[in-house]
């Protein structure tokens, strides 16, 4: 690998995003949660937090993460701007 290849790697970020999305889809599939319900869960979480805090809805990120013992966690990352 040349120095330019090292400095201008593009695949790492895209591949990690794709991996994260695939894990999310597979976990919800394993839990038998369809995409419509996934979106509804995300929207309702954002609505509840938006009642009390000014948030950046566009940057909100909701995903599922599984650990080695096959326990799934719903991870919610919503940038907070300020209290309402």
PDB file of N, CA and C in Angstrom:
ATOM      1  N   UNK A   1       0.859  -1.179   0.000  1.00  0.00           N
ATOM      2  CA  UNK A   1       0.000   0.000   0.000  1.00  0.00           C
ATOM      3  C   UNK A   1       0.897   1.232   0.000  1.00  0.00           C
ATOM      4  N   UNK A   2       0.653   2.140  -0.906  1.00  0.00           N
ATOM      5  CA  UNK A   2       1.429   3.361  -1.002  1.00  0.00           C
ATOM      6  C   UNK A   2       0.964   4.401  -0.005  1.00  0.00           C
ATOM      7  N   UNK A   3       1.751   5.432   0.154  1.00  0.00           N
ATOM      8  CA  UNK A   3       1.429   6.505   1.093  1.00  0.00           C
ATOM      9  C   UNK A   3       0.127   7.205   0.728  1.00  0.00           C
ATOM     10  N   UNK A   4      -0.125   7.379  -0.571  1.00  0.00           N
ATOM     11  CA  UNK A   4      -1.367   8.036  -0.991  1.00  0.00           C
ATOM     12  C   UNK A   4      -2.579   7.172  -0.679  1.00  0.00           C
ATOM     13  N   UNK A   5      -2.452   5.854  -0.862  1.00  0.00           N
ATOM     14  CA  UNK A   5      -3.550   4.956  -0.513  1.00  0.00           C
ATOM     15  C   UNK A   5      -3.855   5.042   0.976  1.00  0.00           C
ATOM     16  N   UNK A   6      -2.805   5.103   1.778  1.00  0.00           N
ATOM     17  CA  UNK A   6      -2.978   5.183   3.218  1.00  0.00           C
ATOM     18  C   UNK A   6      -3.662   6.487   3.629  1.00  0.00           C
ATOM     19  N   UNK A   7      -3.234   7.597   3.041  1.00  0.00           N
ATOM     20  CA  UNK A   7      -3.776   8.902   3.402  1.00  0.00           C
ATOM     21  C   UNK A   7      -5.205   9.122   2.913  1.00  0.00           C
ATOM     22  N   UNK A   8      -5.557   8.509   1.808  1.00  0.00           N
ATOM     23  CA  UNK A   8      -6.855   8.775   1.205  1.00  0.00           C
ATOM     24  C   UNK A   8      -7.768   7.558   1.192  1.00  0.00           C
ATOM     25  N   UNK A   9      -7.719   6.765   2.254  1.00  0.00           N
ATOM     26  CA  UNK A   9      -8.603   5.603   2.348  1.00  0.00           C
ATOM     27  C   UNK A   9     -10.039   6.085   2.405  1.00  0.00           C
ATOM     28  N   UNK A  10     -10.891   5.500   1.582  1.00  0.00           N
ATOM     29  CA  UNK A  10     -12.297   5.888   1.567  1.00  0.00           C
ATOM     30  C   UNK A  10     -13.189   4.773   2.089  1.00  0.00           C
ATOM     31  N   UNK A  11     -12.773   3.553   1.955  1.00  0.00           N
ATOM     32  CA  UNK A  11     -13.622   2.421   2.273  1.00  0.00           C
ATOM     33  C   UNK A  11     -13.894   2.225   3.746  1.00  0.00           C
ATOM     34  N   UNK A  12     -13.009   2.657   4.624  1.00  0.00           N
ATOM     35  CA  UNK A  12     -13.168   2.381   6.042  1.00  0.00           C
ATOM     36  C   UNK A  12     -14.452   2.953   6.617  1.00  0.00           C
ATOM     37  N   UNK A  13     -14.719   4.222   6.358  1.00  0.00           N
ATOM     38  CA  UNK A  13     -15.908   4.856   6.919  1.00  0.00           C
ATOM     39  C   UNK A  13     -17.172   4.248   6.313  1.00  0.00           C
ATOM     40  N   UNK A  14     -17.194   4.099   5.004  1.00  0.00           N
ATOM     41  CA  UNK A  14     -18.367   3.537   4.346  1.00  0.00           C
ATOM     42  C   UNK A  14     -18.619   2.102   4.773  1.00  0.00           C
ATOM     43  N   UNK A  15     -17.564   1.325   4.910  1.00  0.00           N
ATOM     44  CA  UNK A  15     -17.751  -0.069   5.299  1.00  0.00           C
ATOM     45  C   UNK A  15     -18.235  -0.183   6.734  1.00  0.00           C
ATOM     46  N   UNK A  16     -17.782   0.702   7.619  1.00  0.00           N
ATOM     47  CA  UNK A  16     -18.250   0.640   9.004  1.00  0.00           C
ATOM     48  C   UNK A  16     -19.714   1.060   9.105  1.00  0.00           C
ATOM     49  N   UNK A  17     -20.125   2.025   8.299  1.00  0.00           N
ATOM     50  CA  UNK A  17     -21.537   2.430   8.273  1.00  0.00           C
ATOM     51  C   UNK A  17     -22.387   1.291   7.741  1.00  0.00           C
ATOM     52  N   UNK A  18     -21.934   0.660   6.677  1.00  0.00           N
ATOM     53  CA  UNK A  18     -22.678  -0.468   6.105  1.00  0.00           C
ATOM     54  C   UNK A  18     -22.768  -1.619   7.100  1.00  0.00           C
ATOM     55  N   UNK A  19     -21.688  -1.892   7.806  1.00  0.00           N
ATOM     56  CA  UNK A  19     -21.681  -2.959   8.805  1.00  0.00           C
ATOM     57  C   UNK A  19     -22.672  -2.650   9.921  1.00  0.00           C
ATOM     58  N   UNK A  20     -22.683  -1.398  10.386  1.00  0.00           N
ATOM     59  CA  UNK A  20     -23.602  -0.991  11.447  1.00  0.00           C
ATOM     60  C   UNK A  20     -25.055  -1.156  11.001  1.00  0.00           C
ATOM     61  N   UNK A  21     -25.355  -0.737   9.787  1.00  0.00           N
ATOM     62  CA  UNK A  21     -26.718  -0.868   9.264  1.00  0.00           C
ATOM     63  C   UNK A  21     -27.125  -2.324   9.125  1.00  0.00           C
ATOM     64  N   UNK A  22     -26.207  -3.152   8.652  1.00  0.00           N
ATOM     65  CA  UNK A  22     -26.496  -4.573   8.505  1.00  0.00           C
ATOM     66  C   UNK A  22     -26.752  -5.213   9.860  1.00  0.00           C
ATOM     67  N   UNK A  23     -25.956  -4.872  10.866  1.00  0.00           N
ATOM     68  CA  UNK A  23     -26.174  -5.403  12.209  1.00  0.00           C
ATOM     69  C   UNK A  23     -27.539  -4.981  12.734  1.00  0.00           C
ATOM     70  N   UNK A  24     -27.915  -3.735  12.479  1.00  0.00           N
ATOM     71  CA  UNK A  24     -29.216  -3.216  12.898  1.00  0.00           C
ATOM     72  C   UNK A  24     -30.338  -4.030  12.261  1.00  0.00           C
ATOM     73  N   UNK A  25     -30.258  -4.220  10.953  1.00  0.00           N
ATOM     74  CA  UNK A  25     -31.292  -4.959  10.227  1.00  0.00           C
ATOM     75  C   UNK A  25     -31.349  -6.406  10.696  1.00  0.00           C
ATOM     76  N   UNK A  26     -30.202  -7.038  10.857  1.00  0.00           N
ATOM     77  CA  UNK A  26     -30.179  -8.436  11.286  1.00  0.00           C
ATOM     78  C   UNK A  26     -30.728  -8.612  12.695  1.00  0.00           C
ATOM     79  N   UNK A  27     -30.399  -7.682  13.586  1.00  0.00           N
ATOM     80  CA  UNK A  27     -30.909  -7.771  14.952  1.00  0.00           C
ATOM     81  C   UNK A  27     -32.413  -7.597  14.980  1.00  0.00           C
ATOM     82  N   UNK A  28     -32.930  -6.595  14.273  1.00  0.00           N
ATOM     83  CA  UNK A  28     -34.371  -6.405  14.230  1.00  0.00           C
ATOM     84  C   UNK A  28     -35.054  -7.582  13.554  1.00  0.00           C
ATOM     85  N   UNK A  29     -34.413  -8.162  12.561  1.00  0.00           N
ATOM     86  CA  UNK A  29     -34.968  -9.340  11.898  1.00  0.00           C
ATOM     87  C   UNK A  29     -35.025 -10.506  12.877  1.00  0.00           C
ATOM     88  N   UNK A  30     -33.947 -10.703  13.630  1.00  0.00           N
ATOM     89  CA  UNK A  30     -33.912 -11.778  14.619  1.00  0.00           C
ATOM     90  C   UNK A  30     -34.981 -11.573  15.690  1.00  0.00           C
ATOM     91  N   UNK A  31     -35.253 -10.329  16.021  1.00  0.00           N
ATOM     92  CA  UNK A  31     -36.278 -10.015  17.015  1.00  0.00           C
ATOM     93  C   UNK A  31     -37.673  -9.931  16.399  1.00  0.00           C
ATOM     94  N   UNK A  32     -37.782 -10.189  15.102  1.00  0.00           N
ATOM     95  CA  UNK A  32     -39.051 -10.146  14.348  1.00  0.00           C
ATOM     96  C   UNK A  32     -39.703  -8.770  14.384  1.00  0.00           C
ATOM     97  N   UNK A  33     -38.900  -7.729  14.200  1.00  0.00           N
ATOM     98  CA  UNK A  33     -39.408  -6.361  14.151  1.00  0.00           C
ATOM     99  C   UNK A  33     -39.240  -5.865  12.721  1.00  0.00           C
ATOM    100  N   UNK A  34     -40.363  -5.585  12.056  1.00  0.00           N
ATOM    101  CA  UNK A  34     -40.299  -5.182  10.646  1.00  0.00           C
ATOM    102  C   UNK A  34     -39.856  -3.718  10.510  1.00  0.00           C
ATOM    103  N   UNK A  35     -39.443  -3.315   9.314  1.00  0.00           N
ATOM    104  CA  UNK A  35     -38.944  -1.944   9.105  1.00  0.00           C
ATOM    105  C   UNK A  35     -39.949  -0.851   9.471  1.00  0.00           C
ATOM    106  N   UNK A  36     -41.229  -1.085   9.246  1.00  0.00           N
ATOM    107  CA  UNK A  36     -42.235  -0.075   9.602  1.00  0.00           C
ATOM    108  C   UNK A  36     -42.260   0.145  11.111  1.00  0.00           C
ATOM    109  N   UNK A  37     -42.165  -0.933  11.870  1.00  0.00           N
ATOM    110  CA  UNK A  37     -42.146  -0.813  13.328  1.00  0.00           C
ATOM    111  C   UNK A  37     -40.844  -0.165  13.795  1.00  0.00           C
ATOM    112  N   UNK A  38     -39.737  -0.479  13.136  1.00  0.00           N
ATOM    113  CA  UNK A  38     -38.456   0.159  13.460  1.00  0.00           C
ATOM    114  C   UNK A  38     -38.575   1.675  13.346  1.00  0.00           C
ATOM    115  N   UNK A  39     -39.154   2.117  12.245  1.00  0.00           N
ATOM    116  CA  UNK A  39     -39.305   3.557  12.005  1.00  0.00           C
ATOM    117  C   UNK A  39     -40.254   4.183  13.023  1.00  0.00           C
ATOM    118  N   UNK A  40     -41.311   3.462  13.370  1.00  0.00           N
ATOM    119  CA  UNK A  40     -42.272   3.965  14.360  1.00  0.00           C
ATOM    120  C   UNK A  40     -41.600   4.118  15.728  1.00  0.00           C
ATOM    121  N   UNK A  41     -40.803   3.139  16.115  1.00  0.00           N
ATOM    122  CA  UNK A  41     -40.075   3.216  17.388  1.00  0.00           C
ATOM    123  C   UNK A  41     -39.168   4.447  17.391  1.00  0.00           C
ATOM    124  N   UNK A  42     -38.417   4.630  16.315  1.00  0.00           N
ATOM    125  CA  UNK A  42     -37.505   5.768  16.202  1.00  0.00           C
ATOM    126  C   UNK A  42     -38.268   7.083  16.307  1.00  0.00           C
ATOM    127  N   UNK A  43     -39.358   7.206  15.544  1.00  0.00           N
ATOM    128  CA  UNK A  43     -40.135   8.448  15.534  1.00  0.00           C
ATOM    129  C   UNK A  43     -40.732   8.758  16.901  1.00  0.00           C
ATOM    130  N   UNK A  44     -41.246   7.740  17.589  1.00  0.00           N
ATOM    131  CA  UNK A  44     -41.860   7.974  18.898  1.00  0.00           C
ATOM    132  C   UNK A  44     -40.823   8.367  19.943  1.00  0.00           C
ATOM    133  N   UNK A  45     -39.660   7.758  19.899  1.00  0.00           N
ATOM    134  CA  UNK A  45     -38.593   8.141  20.834  1.00  0.00           C
ATOM    135  C   UNK A  45     -38.219   9.602  20.618  1.00  0.00           C
ATOM    136  N   UNK A  46     -38.069   9.986  19.366  1.00  0.00           N
ATOM    137  CA  UNK A  46     -37.716  11.373  19.041  1.00  0.00           C
ATOM    138  C   UNK A  46     -38.818  12.330  19.480  1.00  0.00           C
ATOM    139  N   UNK A  47     -40.085  11.980  19.282  1.00  0.00           N
ATOM    140  CA  UNK A  47     -41.204  12.840  19.691  1.00  0.00           C
ATOM    141  C   UNK A  47     -41.209  13.067  21.196  1.00  0.00           C
ATOM    142  N   UNK A  48     -40.981  12.018  21.967  1.00  0.00           N
ATOM    143  CA  UNK A  48     -41.000  12.147  23.427  1.00  0.00           C
ATOM    144  C   UNK A  48     -39.876  13.066  23.897  1.00  0.00           C
ATOM    145  N   UNK A  49     -38.686  12.869  23.401  1.00  0.00           N
ATOM    146  CA  UNK A  49     -37.559  13.706  23.813  1.00  0.00           C
ATOM    147  C   UNK A  49     -37.755  15.141  23.343  1.00  0.00           C
ATOM    148  N   UNK A  50     -38.354  15.310  22.160  1.00  0.00           N
ATOM    149  CA  UNK A  50     -38.602  16.641  21.600  1.00  0.00           C
ATOM    150  C   UNK A  50     -39.598  17.445  22.442  1.00  0.00           C
ATOM    151  N   UNK A  51     -40.431  16.790  23.232  1.00  0.00           N
ATOM    152  CA  UNK A  51     -41.370  17.492  24.122  1.00  0.00           C
ATOM    153  C   UNK A  51     -40.625  18.296  25.186  1.00  0.00           C
ATOM    154  N   UNK A  52     -39.477  17.780  25.627  1.00  0.00           N
ATOM    155  CA  UNK A  52     -38.782  18.350  26.770  1.00  0.00           C
ATOM    156  C   UNK A  52     -37.474  19.058  26.422  1.00  0.00           C
ATOM    157  N   UNK A  53     -36.905  18.700  25.277  1.00  0.00           N
ATOM    158  CA  UNK A  53     -35.620  19.264  24.888  1.00  0.00           C
ATOM    159  C   UNK A  53     -35.676  19.679  23.429  1.00  0.00           C
ATOM    160  N   UNK A  54     -34.969  20.746  23.101  1.00  0.00           N
ATOM    161  CA  UNK A  54     -34.804  21.095  21.698  1.00  0.00           C
ATOM    162  C   UNK A  54     -33.693  20.195  21.164  1.00  0.00           C
ATOM    163  N   UNK A  55     -34.014  19.442  20.114  1.00  0.00           N
ATOM    164  CA  UNK A  55     -33.066  18.457  19.601  1.00  0.00           C
ATOM    165  C   UNK A  55     -32.813  18.652  18.110  1.00  0.00           C
ATOM    166  N   UNK A  56     -31.768  18.021  17.640  1.00  0.00           N
ATOM    167  CA  UNK A  56     -31.458  18.003  16.213  1.00  0.00           C
ATOM    168  C   UNK A  56     -32.035  16.709  15.642  1.00  0.00           C
ATOM    169  N   UNK A  57     -33.265  16.782  15.140  1.00  0.00           N
ATOM    170  CA  UNK A  57     -33.962  15.588  14.654  1.00  0.00           C
ATOM    171  C   UNK A  57     -33.252  14.939  13.474  1.00  0.00           C
ATOM    172  N   UNK A  58     -32.635  15.745  12.631  1.00  0.00           N
ATOM    173  CA  UNK A  58     -31.962  15.201  11.449  1.00  0.00           C
ATOM    174  C   UNK A  58     -30.732  14.368  11.826  1.00  0.00           C
ATOM    175  N   UNK A  59     -30.097  14.715  12.925  1.00  0.00           N
ATOM    176  CA  UNK A  59     -28.889  13.999  13.334  1.00  0.00           C
ATOM    177  C   UNK A  59     -29.184  12.852  14.298  1.00  0.00           C
ATOM    178  N   UNK A  60     -30.458  12.657  14.637  1.00  0.00           N
ATOM    179  CA  UNK A  60     -30.834  11.589  15.563  1.00  0.00           C
ATOM    180  C   UNK A  60     -30.487  10.232  14.967  1.00  0.00           C
ATOM    181  N   UNK A  61     -29.988   9.360  15.813  1.00  0.00           N
ATOM    182  CA  UNK A  61     -29.574   8.037  15.373  1.00  0.00           C
ATOM    183  C   UNK A  61     -30.064   7.012  16.387  1.00  0.00           C
ATOM    184  N   UNK A  62     -30.838   6.053  15.929  1.00  0.00           N
ATOM    185  CA  UNK A  62     -31.347   4.982  16.777  1.00  0.00           C
ATOM    186  C   UNK A  62     -30.920   3.671  16.129  1.00  0.00           C
ATOM    187  N   UNK A  63     -30.244   2.833  16.908  1.00  0.00           N
ATOM    188  CA  UNK A  63     -29.800   1.553  16.353  1.00  0.00           C
ATOM    189  C   UNK A  63     -29.724   0.497  17.439  1.00  0.00           C
ATOM    190  N   UNK A  64     -29.571  -0.730  17.021  1.00  0.00           N
ATOM    191  CA  UNK A  64     -29.468  -1.859  17.938  1.00  0.00           C
ATOM    192  C   UNK A  64     -28.048  -2.390  17.880  1.00  0.00           C
ATOM    193  N   UNK A  65     -27.538  -2.708  19.060  1.00  0.00           N
ATOM    194  CA  UNK A  65     -26.197  -3.260  19.151  1.00  0.00           C
ATOM    195  C   UNK A  65     -26.287  -4.556  19.946  1.00  0.00           C
ATOM    196  N   UNK A  66     -25.611  -5.583  19.489  1.00  0.00           N
ATOM    197  CA  UNK A  66     -25.601  -6.869  20.191  1.00  0.00           C
ATOM    198  C   UNK A  66     -24.204  -7.138  20.716  1.00  0.00           C
ATOM    199  N   UNK A  67     -24.141  -7.707  21.917  1.00  0.00           N
ATOM    200  CA  UNK A  67     -22.828  -8.042  22.464  1.00  0.00           C
ATOM    201  C   UNK A  67     -22.543  -9.528  22.256  1.00  0.00           C
ATOM    202  N   UNK A  68     -21.442  -9.991  22.789  1.00  0.00           N
ATOM    203  CA  UNK A  68     -21.010 -11.373  22.577  1.00  0.00           C
ATOM    204  C   UNK A  68     -21.973 -12.404  23.151  1.00  0.00           C
ATOM    205  N   UNK A  69     -22.718 -12.044  24.176  1.00  0.00           N
ATOM    206  CA  UNK A  69     -23.647 -13.004  24.781  1.00  0.00           C
ATOM    207  C   UNK A  69     -25.039 -12.913  24.166  1.00  0.00           C
ATOM    208  N   UNK A  70     -25.128 -12.336  22.952  1.00  0.00           N
ATOM    209  CA  UNK A  70     -26.388 -12.236  22.196  1.00  0.00           C
ATOM    210  C   UNK A  70     -27.464 -11.424  22.909  1.00  0.00           C
ATOM    211  N   UNK A  71     -27.057 -10.451  23.689  1.00  0.00           N
ATOM    212  CA  UNK A  71     -28.006  -9.524  24.297  1.00  0.00           C
ATOM    213  C   UNK A  71     -28.021  -8.272  23.434  1.00  0.00           C
ATOM    214  N   UNK A  72     -29.214  -7.845  23.043  1.00  0.00           N
ATOM    215  CA  UNK A  72     -29.349  -6.674  22.173  1.00  0.00           C
ATOM    216  C   UNK A  72     -29.685  -5.443  22.995  1.00  0.00           C
ATOM    217  N   UNK A  73     -29.096  -4.315  22.595  1.00  0.00           N
ATOM    218  CA  UNK A  73     -29.341  -3.038  23.258  1.00  0.00           C
ATOM    219  C   UNK A  73     -29.810  -2.035  22.220  1.00  0.00           C
ATOM    220  N   UNK A  74     -30.858  -1.292  22.551  1.00  0.00           N
ATOM    221  CA  UNK A  74     -31.308  -0.209  21.691  1.00  0.00           C
ATOM    222  C   UNK A  74     -30.504   1.025  22.082  1.00  0.00           C
ATOM    223  N   UNK A  75     -29.758   1.566  21.133  1.00  0.00           N
ATOM    224  CA  UNK A  75     -28.902   2.719  21.382  1.00  0.00           C
ATOM    225  C   UNK A  75     -29.533   3.935  20.714  1.00  0.00           C
ATOM    226  N   UNK A  76     -29.705   5.001  21.490  1.00  0.00           N
ATOM    227  CA  UNK A  76     -30.306   6.227  20.978  1.00  0.00           C
ATOM    228  C   UNK A  76     -29.282   7.348  21.133  1.00  0.00           C
ATOM    229  N   UNK A  77     -28.960   7.994  20.025  1.00  0.00           N
ATOM    230  CA  UNK A  77     -28.000   9.091  20.034  1.00  0.00           C
ATOM    231  C   UNK A  77     -28.686  10.294  19.390  1.00  0.00           C
ATOM    232  N   UNK A  78     -29.105  11.252  20.229  1.00  0.00           N
ATOM    233  CA  UNK A  78     -29.827  12.426  19.747  1.00  0.00           C
ATOM    234  C   UNK A  78     -29.121  13.674  20.270  1.00  0.00           C
ATOM    235  N   UNK A  79     -28.585  14.495  19.380  1.00  0.00           N
ATOM    236  CA  UNK A  79     -27.937  15.732  19.817  1.00  0.00           C
ATOM    237  C   UNK A  79     -28.951  16.682  20.475  1.00  0.00           C
ATOM    238  N   UNK A  80     -28.638  17.109  21.690  1.00  0.00           N
ATOM    239  CA  UNK A  80     -29.504  18.020  22.434  1.00  0.00           C
ATOM    240  C   UNK A  80     -29.022  19.446  22.235  1.00  0.00           C
ATOM    241  N   UNK A  81     -29.960  20.342  21.955  1.00  0.00           N
ATOM    242  CA  UNK A  81     -29.594  21.749  21.775  1.00  0.00           C
ATOM    243  C   UNK A  81     -29.784  22.515  23.076  1.00  0.00           C
ATOM    244  N   UNK A  82     -30.958  22.357  23.689  1.00  0.00           N
ATOM    245  CA  UNK A  82     -31.215  23.010  24.982  1.00  0.00           C
ATOM    246  C   UNK A  82     -32.550  22.527  25.542  1.00  0.00           C
ATOM    247  N   UNK A  83     -32.778  22.862  26.806  1.00  0.00           N
ATOM    248  CA  UNK A  83     -34.028  22.518  27.480  1.00  0.00           C
ATOM    249  C   UNK A  83     -35.128  23.447  26.996  1.00  0.00           C
ATOM    250  N   UNK A  84     -36.331  22.933  26.864  1.00  0.00           N
ATOM    251  CA  UNK A  84     -37.469  23.768  26.450  1.00  0.00           C
ATOM    252  C   UNK A  84     -38.025  24.520  27.631  1.00  0.00           C
TER     253      UNK A  84
END
